[in-house]
Amino acid sequence: MGEDACGEEEMRSFISMDITSKELLDKIKSFQTNLKNSACPMKVVERENLHLTLKFLGEIGESSYKRIVESLSPSLSEFSSFEVNLKGTGFFPSISDLRVIWIGMGAPEIVYIQKDIDETLKTMGFKEDRKFVPHLTVSRVKSSLNKKSLLNVLDEYKDYEFGSQQITSINFKKSTLTPQGPIYETLKEFKLKSV
């Protein structure tokens, strides 16, 4: 980990909405298994790491972390918990350069919450996300080998209903990169109002 100008340890961090429903996670795992069976080289996202990134913060120090938590707490506590629906699949950035496979996430609240986070953090010098598309990254493609069979799997799932989950909190996460993949740790849970 690097150090910032104040000599603080820096940590890589982001704000997320996590998928925790066992039923949903099982259906996602089954989709990931079918993706891997296409024999296209890829790395699937581990079950415990499945999340929607609302805001990537990059490397920040302890003092920034405290300021972000203090700034976000009042507005996030005003939002009520809500249901998110996972439906359909797709990829970024394009069919000729297929790198990320995702599942669609539908709920208008996600967009409102993300906008609120963006506007709050803009005052602290963070850049706004120009084009926010709610999605759950499930796999990262490493090469275009066997791409046709991968596209067939995606086509099968393009309108698939994975199910829904109640979102009761927004999480501030620390990400530690390791050779085996990232390790995420929740540093702060912003509870949403129960409905």
N, C-alpha and C. Protein backbone atom coordinates (compact mmCIF):
# COMPACT_ATOMS: atom_id res chain seq x y z
N MET A 1 0.83 -1.20 0.00
CA MET A 1 0.00 0.00 0.00
C MET A 1 0.86 1.25 0.00
N GLY A 2 0.44 2.23 -0.76
CA GLY A 2 1.20 3.47 -0.82
C GLY A 2 0.88 4.35 0.37
N GLU A 3 1.58 5.47 0.46
CA GLU A 3 1.28 6.45 1.50
C GLU A 3 0.93 7.76 0.84
N ASP A 4 0.01 8.52 1.47
CA ASP A 4 -0.33 9.81 0.87
C ASP A 4 0.55 10.90 1.48
N ALA A 5 0.26 12.14 1.12
CA ALA A 5 1.10 13.27 1.54
C ALA A 5 1.18 13.41 3.06
N CYS A 6 0.14 12.97 3.77
CA CYS A 6 0.14 13.10 5.24
C CYS A 6 0.86 11.94 5.90
N GLY A 7 1.41 11.04 5.08
CA GLY A 7 2.09 9.88 5.65
C GLY A 7 1.12 8.78 6.07
N GLU A 8 -0.14 8.88 5.63
CA GLU A 8 -1.13 7.86 5.99
C GLU A 8 -1.02 6.67 5.05
N GLU A 9 -1.34 5.50 5.59
CA GLU A 9 -1.46 4.31 4.74
C GLU A 9 -2.65 4.53 3.82
N GLU A 10 -2.51 4.19 2.55
CA GLU A 10 -3.64 4.35 1.64
C GLU A 10 -4.30 3.00 1.39
N MET A 11 -5.60 3.03 1.17
CA MET A 11 -6.31 1.78 0.86
C MET A 11 -7.17 1.99 -0.38
N ARG A 12 -7.25 0.93 -1.16
CA ARG A 12 -8.09 0.93 -2.36
C ARG A 12 -9.51 0.67 -1.89
N SER A 13 -10.45 1.50 -2.31
CA SER A 13 -11.79 1.35 -1.76
C SER A 13 -12.90 1.70 -2.75
N PHE A 14 -14.10 1.28 -2.40
CA PHE A 14 -15.28 1.56 -3.23
C PHE A 14 -16.54 1.45 -2.37
N ILE A 15 -17.64 1.95 -2.92
CA ILE A 15 -18.93 1.88 -2.22
C ILE A 15 -19.81 0.94 -3.03
N SER A 16 -20.45 -0.01 -2.34
CA SER A 16 -21.16 -1.06 -3.08
C SER A 16 -22.51 -1.43 -2.48
N MET A 17 -23.22 -2.19 -3.29
CA MET A 17 -24.46 -2.83 -2.89
C MET A 17 -24.19 -4.31 -3.09
N ASP A 18 -24.34 -5.11 -2.06
CA ASP A 18 -23.93 -6.52 -2.15
C ASP A 18 -25.09 -7.47 -2.40
N ILE A 19 -24.79 -8.54 -3.11
CA ILE A 19 -25.78 -9.59 -3.34
C ILE A 19 -25.50 -10.70 -2.32
N THR A 20 -26.51 -10.97 -1.48
CA THR A 20 -26.31 -11.93 -0.38
C THR A 20 -27.35 -13.05 -0.36
N SER A 21 -28.41 -12.93 -1.17
CA SER A 21 -29.47 -13.93 -1.16
C SER A 21 -28.94 -15.27 -1.68
N LYS A 22 -29.10 -16.33 -0.88
CA LYS A 22 -28.57 -17.65 -1.25
C LYS A 22 -29.19 -18.13 -2.57
N GLU A 23 -30.49 -17.92 -2.71
CA GLU A 23 -31.20 -18.35 -3.92
C GLU A 23 -30.62 -17.66 -5.17
N LEU A 24 -30.41 -16.34 -5.04
CA LEU A 24 -29.84 -15.58 -6.17
C LEU A 24 -28.42 -16.06 -6.45
N LEU A 25 -27.63 -16.20 -5.39
CA LEU A 25 -26.23 -16.59 -5.57
C LEU A 25 -26.12 -17.97 -6.23
N ASP A 26 -27.04 -18.87 -5.90
CA ASP A 26 -27.02 -20.21 -6.51
C ASP A 26 -27.32 -20.12 -8.01
N LYS A 27 -28.28 -19.27 -8.38
CA LYS A 27 -28.63 -19.11 -9.80
C LYS A 27 -27.48 -18.46 -10.57
N ILE A 28 -26.81 -17.50 -9.91
CA ILE A 28 -25.67 -16.83 -10.56
C ILE A 28 -24.54 -17.84 -10.76
N LYS A 29 -24.33 -18.70 -9.75
CA LYS A 29 -23.27 -19.71 -9.83
C LYS A 29 -23.54 -20.65 -11.01
N SER A 30 -24.79 -21.03 -11.17
CA SER A 30 -25.15 -21.92 -12.27
C SER A 30 -24.87 -21.24 -13.62
N PHE A 31 -25.17 -19.94 -13.71
CA PHE A 31 -24.86 -19.16 -14.93
C PHE A 31 -23.35 -19.13 -15.15
N GLN A 32 -22.59 -18.87 -14.07
CA GLN A 32 -21.13 -18.81 -14.19
C GLN A 32 -20.56 -20.16 -14.65
N THR A 33 -21.15 -21.25 -14.16
CA THR A 33 -20.69 -22.59 -14.56
C THR A 33 -20.91 -22.78 -16.06
N ASN A 34 -22.07 -22.34 -16.55
CA ASN A 34 -22.34 -22.44 -17.99
C ASN A 34 -21.39 -21.56 -18.81
N LEU A 35 -21.04 -20.40 -18.25
CA LEU A 35 -20.08 -19.52 -18.94
C LEU A 35 -18.73 -20.23 -19.06
N LYS A 36 -18.29 -20.83 -17.94
CA LYS A 36 -16.98 -21.52 -17.94
C LYS A 36 -16.99 -22.71 -18.88
N ASN A 37 -18.15 -23.39 -18.96
CA ASN A 37 -18.26 -24.56 -19.84
C ASN A 37 -18.15 -24.20 -21.32
N SER A 38 -18.26 -22.91 -21.63
CA SER A 38 -18.10 -22.47 -23.03
C SER A 38 -16.63 -22.59 -23.46
N ALA A 39 -15.76 -22.83 -22.46
CA ALA A 39 -14.31 -22.98 -22.71
C ALA A 39 -13.64 -21.70 -23.19
N CYS A 40 -14.29 -20.58 -22.98
CA CYS A 40 -13.67 -19.28 -23.27
C CYS A 40 -12.89 -18.91 -22.00
N PRO A 41 -11.59 -18.56 -22.13
CA PRO A 41 -10.80 -18.26 -20.93
C PRO A 41 -11.35 -17.06 -20.16
N MET A 42 -11.65 -17.29 -18.88
CA MET A 42 -12.22 -16.21 -18.07
C MET A 42 -11.98 -16.46 -16.59
N LYS A 43 -12.20 -15.38 -15.81
CA LYS A 43 -12.11 -15.48 -14.35
C LYS A 43 -13.48 -15.06 -13.83
N VAL A 44 -14.17 -16.00 -13.16
CA VAL A 44 -15.48 -15.63 -12.63
C VAL A 44 -15.31 -14.96 -11.26
N VAL A 45 -16.24 -14.07 -10.94
CA VAL A 45 -16.20 -13.36 -9.66
C VAL A 45 -16.67 -14.32 -8.57
N GLU A 46 -15.88 -14.41 -7.48
CA GLU A 46 -16.24 -15.31 -6.39
C GLU A 46 -17.57 -14.90 -5.77
N ARG A 47 -18.27 -15.89 -5.27
CA ARG A 47 -19.59 -15.72 -4.65
C ARG A 47 -19.61 -14.58 -3.63
N GLU A 48 -18.60 -14.56 -2.74
CA GLU A 48 -18.59 -13.54 -1.67
C GLU A 48 -18.22 -12.14 -2.18
N ASN A 49 -17.79 -12.06 -3.43
CA ASN A 49 -17.37 -10.76 -4.00
C ASN A 49 -18.40 -10.15 -4.95
N LEU A 50 -19.54 -10.80 -5.13
CA LEU A 50 -20.54 -10.30 -6.09
C LEU A 50 -21.19 -9.03 -5.54
N HIS A 51 -21.06 -7.95 -6.28
CA HIS A 51 -21.59 -6.66 -5.81
C HIS A 51 -21.79 -5.71 -6.99
N LEU A 52 -22.55 -4.67 -6.72
CA LEU A 52 -22.69 -3.57 -7.67
C LEU A 52 -21.85 -2.42 -7.12
N THR A 53 -20.89 -1.95 -7.91
CA THR A 53 -20.09 -0.80 -7.47
C THR A 53 -20.88 0.48 -7.73
N LEU A 54 -21.19 1.19 -6.65
CA LEU A 54 -21.90 2.47 -6.78
C LEU A 54 -20.91 3.60 -7.02
N LYS A 55 -19.71 3.44 -6.45
CA LYS A 55 -18.67 4.46 -6.63
C LYS A 55 -17.31 3.86 -6.32
N PHE A 56 -16.41 3.93 -7.30
CA PHE A 56 -15.04 3.49 -7.07
C PHE A 56 -14.25 4.70 -6.58
N LEU A 57 -13.57 4.55 -5.46
CA LEU A 57 -12.88 5.69 -4.85
C LEU A 57 -11.37 5.68 -5.08
N GLY A 58 -10.84 4.53 -5.48
CA GLY A 58 -9.38 4.43 -5.67
C GLY A 58 -8.66 4.39 -4.34
N GLU A 59 -7.43 4.87 -4.35
CA GLU A 59 -6.59 4.85 -3.14
C GLU A 59 -6.89 6.07 -2.27
N ILE A 60 -7.32 5.83 -1.04
CA ILE A 60 -7.58 6.94 -0.12
C ILE A 60 -6.95 6.66 1.24
N GLY A 61 -6.70 7.71 1.99
CA GLY A 61 -6.13 7.59 3.33
C GLY A 61 -7.22 7.56 4.38
N GLU A 62 -6.83 7.32 5.63
CA GLU A 62 -7.76 7.23 6.77
C GLU A 62 -8.59 8.51 6.95
N SER A 63 -7.96 9.67 6.79
CA SER A 63 -8.69 10.93 7.00
C SER A 63 -9.77 11.12 5.92
N SER A 64 -9.46 10.74 4.67
CA SER A 64 -10.47 10.81 3.60
C SER A 64 -11.60 9.84 3.89
N TYR A 65 -11.25 8.64 4.36
CA TYR A 65 -12.26 7.63 4.68
C TYR A 65 -13.25 8.20 5.71
N LYS A 66 -12.72 8.81 6.76
CA LYS A 66 -13.59 9.37 7.82
C LYS A 66 -14.48 10.48 7.27
N ARG A 67 -13.92 11.34 6.43
CA ARG A 67 -14.70 12.44 5.85
C ARG A 67 -15.80 11.91 4.93
N ILE A 68 -15.48 10.88 4.16
CA ILE A 68 -16.47 10.30 3.24
C ILE A 68 -17.63 9.70 4.04
N VAL A 69 -17.30 8.94 5.09
CA VAL A 69 -18.34 8.31 5.92
C VAL A 69 -19.22 9.38 6.56
N GLU A 70 -18.60 10.42 7.10
CA GLU A 70 -19.36 11.52 7.73
C GLU A 70 -20.25 12.23 6.71
N SER A 71 -19.75 12.41 5.49
CA SER A 71 -20.52 13.11 4.45
C SER A 71 -21.69 12.28 3.94
N LEU A 72 -21.48 10.95 3.81
CA LEU A 72 -22.52 10.11 3.23
C LEU A 72 -23.59 9.66 4.23
N SER A 73 -23.21 9.53 5.49
CA SER A 73 -24.15 8.98 6.50
C SER A 73 -25.50 9.69 6.52
N PRO A 74 -25.56 11.06 6.60
CA PRO A 74 -26.87 11.71 6.71
C PRO A 74 -27.79 11.42 5.52
N SER A 75 -27.26 11.52 4.29
CA SER A 75 -28.16 11.35 3.13
C SER A 75 -28.52 9.88 2.89
N LEU A 76 -27.57 8.96 3.09
CA LEU A 76 -27.89 7.55 2.83
C LEU A 76 -28.90 7.02 3.84
N SER A 77 -28.89 7.56 5.06
CA SER A 77 -29.83 7.08 6.07
C SER A 77 -31.27 7.52 5.77
N GLU A 78 -31.42 8.44 4.79
CA GLU A 78 -32.76 8.89 4.39
C GLU A 78 -33.42 7.95 3.39
N PHE A 79 -32.62 7.09 2.75
CA PHE A 79 -33.17 6.15 1.77
C PHE A 79 -33.78 4.94 2.47
N SER A 80 -34.86 4.44 1.90
CA SER A 80 -35.49 3.23 2.45
C SER A 80 -34.94 2.01 1.75
N SER A 81 -35.00 0.86 2.44
CA SER A 81 -34.57 -0.38 1.80
C SER A 81 -35.50 -0.66 0.62
N PHE A 82 -35.02 -1.40 -0.36
CA PHE A 82 -35.79 -1.62 -1.58
C PHE A 82 -35.45 -2.98 -2.19
N GLU A 83 -36.28 -3.39 -3.14
CA GLU A 83 -36.05 -4.67 -3.80
C GLU A 83 -35.36 -4.42 -5.14
N VAL A 84 -34.34 -5.22 -5.39
CA VAL A 84 -33.66 -5.13 -6.68
C VAL A 84 -33.92 -6.43 -7.44
N ASN A 85 -34.19 -6.27 -8.73
CA ASN A 85 -34.49 -7.43 -9.58
C ASN A 85 -33.31 -7.70 -10.50
N LEU A 86 -32.83 -8.94 -10.52
CA LEU A 86 -31.72 -9.30 -11.40
C LEU A 86 -32.27 -10.03 -12.62
N LYS A 87 -32.09 -9.41 -13.77
CA LYS A 87 -32.66 -9.98 -14.99
C LYS A 87 -31.79 -9.67 -16.20
N GLY A 88 -31.60 -10.68 -17.04
CA GLY A 88 -30.89 -10.48 -18.29
C GLY A 88 -29.38 -10.38 -18.12
N THR A 89 -28.67 -10.60 -19.21
CA THR A 89 -27.21 -10.56 -19.17
C THR A 89 -26.68 -9.74 -20.34
N GLY A 90 -25.44 -9.36 -20.25
CA GLY A 90 -24.81 -8.60 -21.33
C GLY A 90 -23.31 -8.55 -21.12
N PHE A 91 -22.65 -7.68 -21.87
CA PHE A 91 -21.18 -7.59 -21.78
C PHE A 91 -20.73 -6.18 -22.10
N PHE A 92 -19.53 -5.86 -21.62
CA PHE A 92 -18.86 -4.59 -21.92
C PHE A 92 -17.52 -4.92 -22.55
N PRO A 93 -16.88 -4.04 -23.32
CA PRO A 93 -17.47 -2.85 -23.90
C PRO A 93 -18.20 -3.12 -25.21
N SER A 94 -17.80 -4.18 -25.97
CA SER A 94 -18.45 -4.43 -27.26
C SER A 94 -18.27 -5.89 -27.64
N ILE A 95 -19.04 -6.31 -28.65
CA ILE A 95 -18.96 -7.72 -29.07
C ILE A 95 -17.59 -8.06 -29.66
N SER A 96 -16.91 -7.06 -30.22
CA SER A 96 -15.59 -7.34 -30.79
C SER A 96 -14.49 -7.31 -29.72
N ASP A 97 -14.80 -6.70 -28.59
CA ASP A 97 -13.81 -6.60 -27.50
C ASP A 97 -14.53 -6.93 -26.19
N LEU A 98 -14.87 -8.21 -26.07
CA LEU A 98 -15.71 -8.64 -24.96
C LEU A 98 -14.85 -8.89 -23.71
N ARG A 99 -15.03 -8.06 -22.69
CA ARG A 99 -14.15 -8.18 -21.51
C ARG A 99 -14.88 -8.49 -20.21
N VAL A 100 -16.08 -7.90 -20.05
CA VAL A 100 -16.80 -8.06 -18.79
C VAL A 100 -18.19 -8.62 -19.08
N ILE A 101 -18.58 -9.66 -18.33
CA ILE A 101 -19.92 -10.21 -18.47
C ILE A 101 -20.72 -9.82 -17.23
N TRP A 102 -21.95 -9.33 -17.45
CA TRP A 102 -22.74 -8.83 -16.33
C TRP A 102 -24.17 -9.32 -16.37
N ILE A 103 -24.83 -9.15 -15.19
CA ILE A 103 -26.26 -9.41 -15.07
C ILE A 103 -26.91 -8.06 -14.79
N GLY A 104 -28.04 -7.79 -15.45
CA GLY A 104 -28.72 -6.51 -15.26
C GLY A 104 -29.37 -6.39 -13.89
N MET A 105 -29.39 -5.19 -13.35
CA MET A 105 -30.00 -4.94 -12.04
C MET A 105 -31.03 -3.85 -12.18
N GLY A 106 -32.29 -4.19 -11.90
CA GLY A 106 -33.35 -3.21 -12.08
C GLY A 106 -33.94 -2.72 -10.77
N ALA A 107 -33.86 -1.42 -10.54
CA ALA A 107 -34.51 -0.75 -9.41
C ALA A 107 -34.18 0.73 -9.54
N PRO A 108 -35.20 1.60 -9.65
CA PRO A 108 -34.91 3.03 -9.82
C PRO A 108 -34.10 3.61 -8.64
N GLU A 109 -34.28 3.01 -7.46
CA GLU A 109 -33.56 3.51 -6.27
C GLU A 109 -32.05 3.49 -6.44
N ILE A 110 -31.54 2.49 -7.18
CA ILE A 110 -30.08 2.37 -7.37
C ILE A 110 -29.54 3.67 -7.99
N VAL A 111 -30.25 4.16 -9.00
CA VAL A 111 -29.80 5.35 -9.72
C VAL A 111 -29.85 6.58 -8.80
N TYR A 112 -30.92 6.68 -7.98
CA TYR A 112 -31.02 7.82 -7.05
C TYR A 112 -29.90 7.79 -6.02
N ILE A 113 -29.65 6.61 -5.48
CA ILE A 113 -28.60 6.47 -4.45
C ILE A 113 -27.24 6.79 -5.05
N GLN A 114 -26.98 6.25 -6.26
CA GLN A 114 -25.68 6.49 -6.89
C GLN A 114 -25.48 7.98 -7.17
N LYS A 115 -26.55 8.64 -7.61
CA LYS A 115 -26.47 10.08 -7.92
C LYS A 115 -26.20 10.87 -6.64
N ASP A 116 -26.83 10.46 -5.56
CA ASP A 116 -26.64 11.12 -4.27
C ASP A 116 -25.18 10.98 -3.80
N ILE A 117 -24.64 9.77 -3.93
CA ILE A 117 -23.23 9.52 -3.56
C ILE A 117 -22.31 10.38 -4.42
N ASP A 118 -22.58 10.36 -5.74
CA ASP A 118 -21.78 11.13 -6.69
C ASP A 118 -21.76 12.63 -6.33
N GLU A 119 -22.94 13.18 -6.08
CA GLU A 119 -23.03 14.61 -5.79
C GLU A 119 -22.36 14.98 -4.47
N THR A 120 -22.49 14.11 -3.47
CA THR A 120 -21.85 14.35 -2.18
C THR A 120 -20.33 14.32 -2.32
N LEU A 121 -19.83 13.34 -3.07
CA LEU A 121 -18.37 13.18 -3.18
C LEU A 121 -17.73 14.15 -4.16
N LYS A 122 -18.55 14.72 -5.04
CA LYS A 122 -18.03 15.72 -5.98
C LYS A 122 -17.49 16.92 -5.20
N THR A 123 -18.15 17.25 -4.09
CA THR A 123 -17.71 18.38 -3.27
C THR A 123 -16.37 18.08 -2.59
N MET A 124 -15.99 16.80 -2.57
CA MET A 124 -14.71 16.41 -1.95
C MET A 124 -13.63 16.16 -3.00
N GLY A 125 -13.95 16.51 -4.26
CA GLY A 125 -12.93 16.39 -5.30
C GLY A 125 -12.95 15.11 -6.11
N PHE A 126 -13.94 14.23 -5.85
CA PHE A 126 -14.05 13.00 -6.65
C PHE A 126 -14.78 13.31 -7.95
N LYS A 127 -14.33 12.65 -9.02
CA LYS A 127 -14.96 12.87 -10.33
C LYS A 127 -16.33 12.20 -10.37
N GLU A 128 -17.26 12.83 -11.08
CA GLU A 128 -18.59 12.23 -11.25
C GLU A 128 -18.51 11.09 -12.25
N ASP A 129 -19.33 10.06 -12.04
CA ASP A 129 -19.43 8.97 -13.02
C ASP A 129 -20.36 9.43 -14.12
N ARG A 130 -19.84 9.56 -15.31
CA ARG A 130 -20.66 10.11 -16.40
C ARG A 130 -21.79 9.17 -16.80
N LYS A 131 -21.45 7.90 -16.94
CA LYS A 131 -22.46 6.98 -17.46
C LYS A 131 -22.56 5.79 -16.51
N PHE A 132 -23.49 5.87 -15.58
CA PHE A 132 -23.66 4.80 -14.61
C PHE A 132 -24.72 3.82 -15.10
N VAL A 133 -24.33 2.55 -15.24
CA VAL A 133 -25.27 1.51 -15.66
C VAL A 133 -25.29 0.44 -14.56
N PRO A 134 -26.43 0.31 -13.84
CA PRO A 134 -26.46 -0.70 -12.76
C PRO A 134 -26.29 -2.11 -13.32
N HIS A 135 -25.23 -2.78 -12.89
CA HIS A 135 -24.97 -4.14 -13.35
C HIS A 135 -24.14 -4.89 -12.32
N LEU A 136 -24.24 -6.19 -12.38
CA LEU A 136 -23.47 -7.07 -11.50
C LEU A 136 -22.44 -7.79 -12.36
N THR A 137 -21.17 -7.47 -12.15
CA THR A 137 -20.11 -8.14 -12.92
C THR A 137 -19.97 -9.57 -12.40
N VAL A 138 -20.09 -10.56 -13.31
CA VAL A 138 -19.99 -11.96 -12.88
C VAL A 138 -18.75 -12.66 -13.42
N SER A 139 -18.13 -12.05 -14.45
CA SER A 139 -16.97 -12.70 -15.05
C SER A 139 -16.14 -11.71 -15.87
N ARG A 140 -14.84 -11.96 -15.90
CA ARG A 140 -13.94 -11.15 -16.74
C ARG A 140 -13.30 -12.07 -17.77
N VAL A 141 -13.48 -11.73 -19.02
CA VAL A 141 -13.00 -12.58 -20.13
C VAL A 141 -11.53 -12.27 -20.41
N LYS A 142 -10.74 -13.34 -20.58
CA LYS A 142 -9.30 -13.14 -20.77
C LYS A 142 -8.85 -13.18 -22.22
N SER A 143 -9.62 -13.89 -23.08
CA SER A 143 -9.27 -13.91 -24.51
C SER A 143 -10.52 -14.26 -25.31
N SER A 144 -10.44 -14.09 -26.64
CA SER A 144 -11.63 -14.33 -27.47
C SER A 144 -11.72 -15.77 -27.96
N LEU A 145 -10.89 -16.64 -27.39
CA LEU A 145 -10.93 -18.06 -27.74
C LEU A 145 -12.32 -18.62 -27.41
N ASN A 146 -12.92 -19.37 -28.33
CA ASN A 146 -14.26 -19.95 -28.15
C ASN A 146 -15.34 -18.91 -27.86
N LYS A 147 -15.17 -17.73 -28.43
CA LYS A 147 -16.12 -16.65 -28.17
C LYS A 147 -17.54 -16.99 -28.64
N LYS A 148 -17.62 -17.76 -29.73
CA LYS A 148 -18.93 -18.08 -30.28
C LYS A 148 -19.76 -18.88 -29.27
N SER A 149 -19.14 -19.87 -28.63
CA SER A 149 -19.91 -20.68 -27.67
C SER A 149 -20.26 -19.84 -26.43
N LEU A 150 -19.41 -18.87 -26.10
CA LEU A 150 -19.72 -17.97 -24.98
C LEU A 150 -20.93 -17.10 -25.33
N LEU A 151 -20.97 -16.58 -26.56
CA LEU A 151 -22.09 -15.75 -26.99
C LEU A 151 -23.40 -16.55 -27.02
N ASN A 152 -23.29 -17.85 -27.31
CA ASN A 152 -24.49 -18.71 -27.28
C ASN A 152 -25.06 -18.80 -25.87
N VAL A 153 -24.18 -18.92 -24.87
CA VAL A 153 -24.62 -18.98 -23.47
C VAL A 153 -25.28 -17.65 -23.10
N LEU A 154 -24.65 -16.55 -23.48
CA LEU A 154 -25.20 -15.22 -23.17
C LEU A 154 -26.56 -15.03 -23.83
N ASP A 155 -26.71 -15.57 -25.02
CA ASP A 155 -27.97 -15.46 -25.74
C ASP A 155 -29.08 -16.22 -24.99
N GLU A 156 -28.72 -17.40 -24.47
CA GLU A 156 -29.68 -18.21 -23.70
C GLU A 156 -30.18 -17.45 -22.48
N TYR A 157 -29.30 -16.67 -21.87
CA TYR A 157 -29.62 -15.99 -20.62
C TYR A 157 -30.05 -14.53 -20.79
N LYS A 158 -30.14 -14.06 -22.04
CA LYS A 158 -30.30 -12.62 -22.23
C LYS A 158 -31.54 -12.02 -21.55
N ASP A 159 -32.61 -12.84 -21.39
CA ASP A 159 -33.81 -12.34 -20.70
C ASP A 159 -34.12 -13.14 -19.43
N TYR A 160 -33.13 -13.88 -18.96
CA TYR A 160 -33.35 -14.77 -17.81
C TYR A 160 -33.63 -13.99 -16.52
N GLU A 161 -34.64 -14.46 -15.78
CA GLU A 161 -34.98 -13.84 -14.49
C GLU A 161 -34.20 -14.58 -13.39
N PHE A 162 -33.22 -13.93 -12.81
CA PHE A 162 -32.45 -14.56 -11.74
C PHE A 162 -33.19 -14.48 -10.41
N GLY A 163 -34.05 -13.46 -10.27
CA GLY A 163 -34.78 -13.29 -9.01
C GLY A 163 -34.51 -11.93 -8.41
N SER A 164 -34.96 -11.74 -7.18
CA SER A 164 -34.79 -10.42 -6.55
C SER A 164 -34.30 -10.54 -5.12
N GLN A 165 -33.87 -9.43 -4.58
CA GLN A 165 -33.35 -9.38 -3.20
C GLN A 165 -33.66 -8.02 -2.60
N GLN A 166 -33.94 -8.02 -1.31
CA GLN A 166 -34.14 -6.76 -0.60
C GLN A 166 -32.76 -6.18 -0.28
N ILE A 167 -32.56 -4.91 -0.60
CA ILE A 167 -31.30 -4.24 -0.28
C ILE A 167 -31.54 -3.41 0.99
N THR A 168 -30.82 -3.75 2.05
CA THR A 168 -31.04 -3.08 3.34
C THR A 168 -29.87 -2.20 3.77
N SER A 169 -28.77 -2.28 3.01
CA SER A 169 -27.62 -1.43 3.36
C SER A 169 -26.73 -1.18 2.15
N ILE A 170 -25.95 -0.11 2.26
CA ILE A 170 -24.93 0.25 1.28
C ILE A 170 -23.60 0.10 2.03
N ASN A 171 -22.60 -0.47 1.38
CA ASN A 171 -21.35 -0.77 2.09
C ASN A 171 -20.14 -0.03 1.56
N PHE A 172 -19.30 0.39 2.50
CA PHE A 172 -18.00 1.00 2.17
C PHE A 172 -16.99 -0.13 2.27
N LYS A 173 -16.34 -0.45 1.16
CA LYS A 173 -15.45 -1.61 1.12
C LYS A 173 -14.00 -1.24 0.89
N LYS A 174 -13.15 -2.05 1.48
CA LYS A 174 -11.72 -1.94 1.23
C LYS A 174 -11.36 -3.14 0.35
N SER A 175 -10.54 -2.90 -0.66
CA SER A 175 -10.15 -3.96 -1.58
C SER A 175 -8.64 -4.17 -1.49
N THR A 176 -8.26 -5.41 -1.16
CA THR A 176 -6.83 -5.75 -1.12
C THR A 176 -6.56 -6.68 -2.29
N LEU A 177 -5.69 -6.26 -3.19
CA LEU A 177 -5.38 -7.08 -4.37
C LEU A 177 -4.36 -8.15 -4.00
N THR A 178 -4.66 -9.40 -4.36
CA THR A 178 -3.73 -10.50 -4.11
C THR A 178 -3.59 -11.29 -5.43
N PRO A 179 -2.56 -12.12 -5.55
CA PRO A 179 -2.40 -12.91 -6.78
C PRO A 179 -3.61 -13.81 -7.05
N GLN A 180 -4.32 -14.22 -6.00
CA GLN A 180 -5.49 -15.09 -6.15
C GLN A 180 -6.75 -14.30 -6.53
N GLY A 181 -6.65 -12.98 -6.46
CA GLY A 181 -7.82 -12.14 -6.73
C GLY A 181 -8.04 -11.18 -5.58
N PRO A 182 -8.98 -10.23 -5.72
CA PRO A 182 -9.17 -9.23 -4.67
C PRO A 182 -9.86 -9.80 -3.44
N ILE A 183 -9.51 -9.24 -2.28
CA ILE A 183 -10.21 -9.58 -1.03
C ILE A 183 -10.92 -8.32 -0.59
N TYR A 184 -12.25 -8.41 -0.41
CA TYR A 184 -13.05 -7.26 -0.02
C TYR A 184 -13.42 -7.35 1.45
N GLU A 185 -13.36 -6.21 2.10
CA GLU A 185 -13.70 -6.16 3.52
C GLU A 185 -14.62 -4.95 3.73
N THR A 186 -15.76 -5.17 4.41
CA THR A 186 -16.69 -4.07 4.67
C THR A 186 -16.19 -3.28 5.88
N LEU A 187 -15.89 -1.99 5.66
CA LEU A 187 -15.43 -1.14 6.75
C LEU A 187 -16.58 -0.39 7.40
N LYS A 188 -17.61 -0.10 6.60
CA LYS A 188 -18.74 0.65 7.13
C LYS A 188 -20.01 0.22 6.41
N GLU A 189 -21.06 -0.04 7.18
CA GLU A 189 -22.35 -0.41 6.61
C GLU A 189 -23.31 0.75 6.85
N PHE A 190 -23.81 1.33 5.77
CA PHE A 190 -24.82 2.40 5.89
C PHE A 190 -26.19 1.72 5.81
N LYS A 191 -26.87 1.64 6.92
CA LYS A 191 -28.19 0.97 6.98
C LYS A 191 -29.25 1.85 6.32
N LEU A 192 -30.09 1.23 5.52
CA LEU A 192 -31.21 1.95 4.92
C LEU A 192 -32.42 1.79 5.83
N LYS A 193 -33.36 2.73 5.73
CA LYS A 193 -34.55 2.66 6.58
C LYS A 193 -35.37 1.43 6.24
N SER A 194 -35.85 0.71 7.27
CA SER A 194 -36.65 -0.48 6.96
C SER A 194 -38.07 -0.02 6.58
N VAL A 195 -38.62 -0.72 5.61
CA VAL A 195 -39.92 -0.32 5.07
C VAL A 195 -41.03 -0.92 5.92
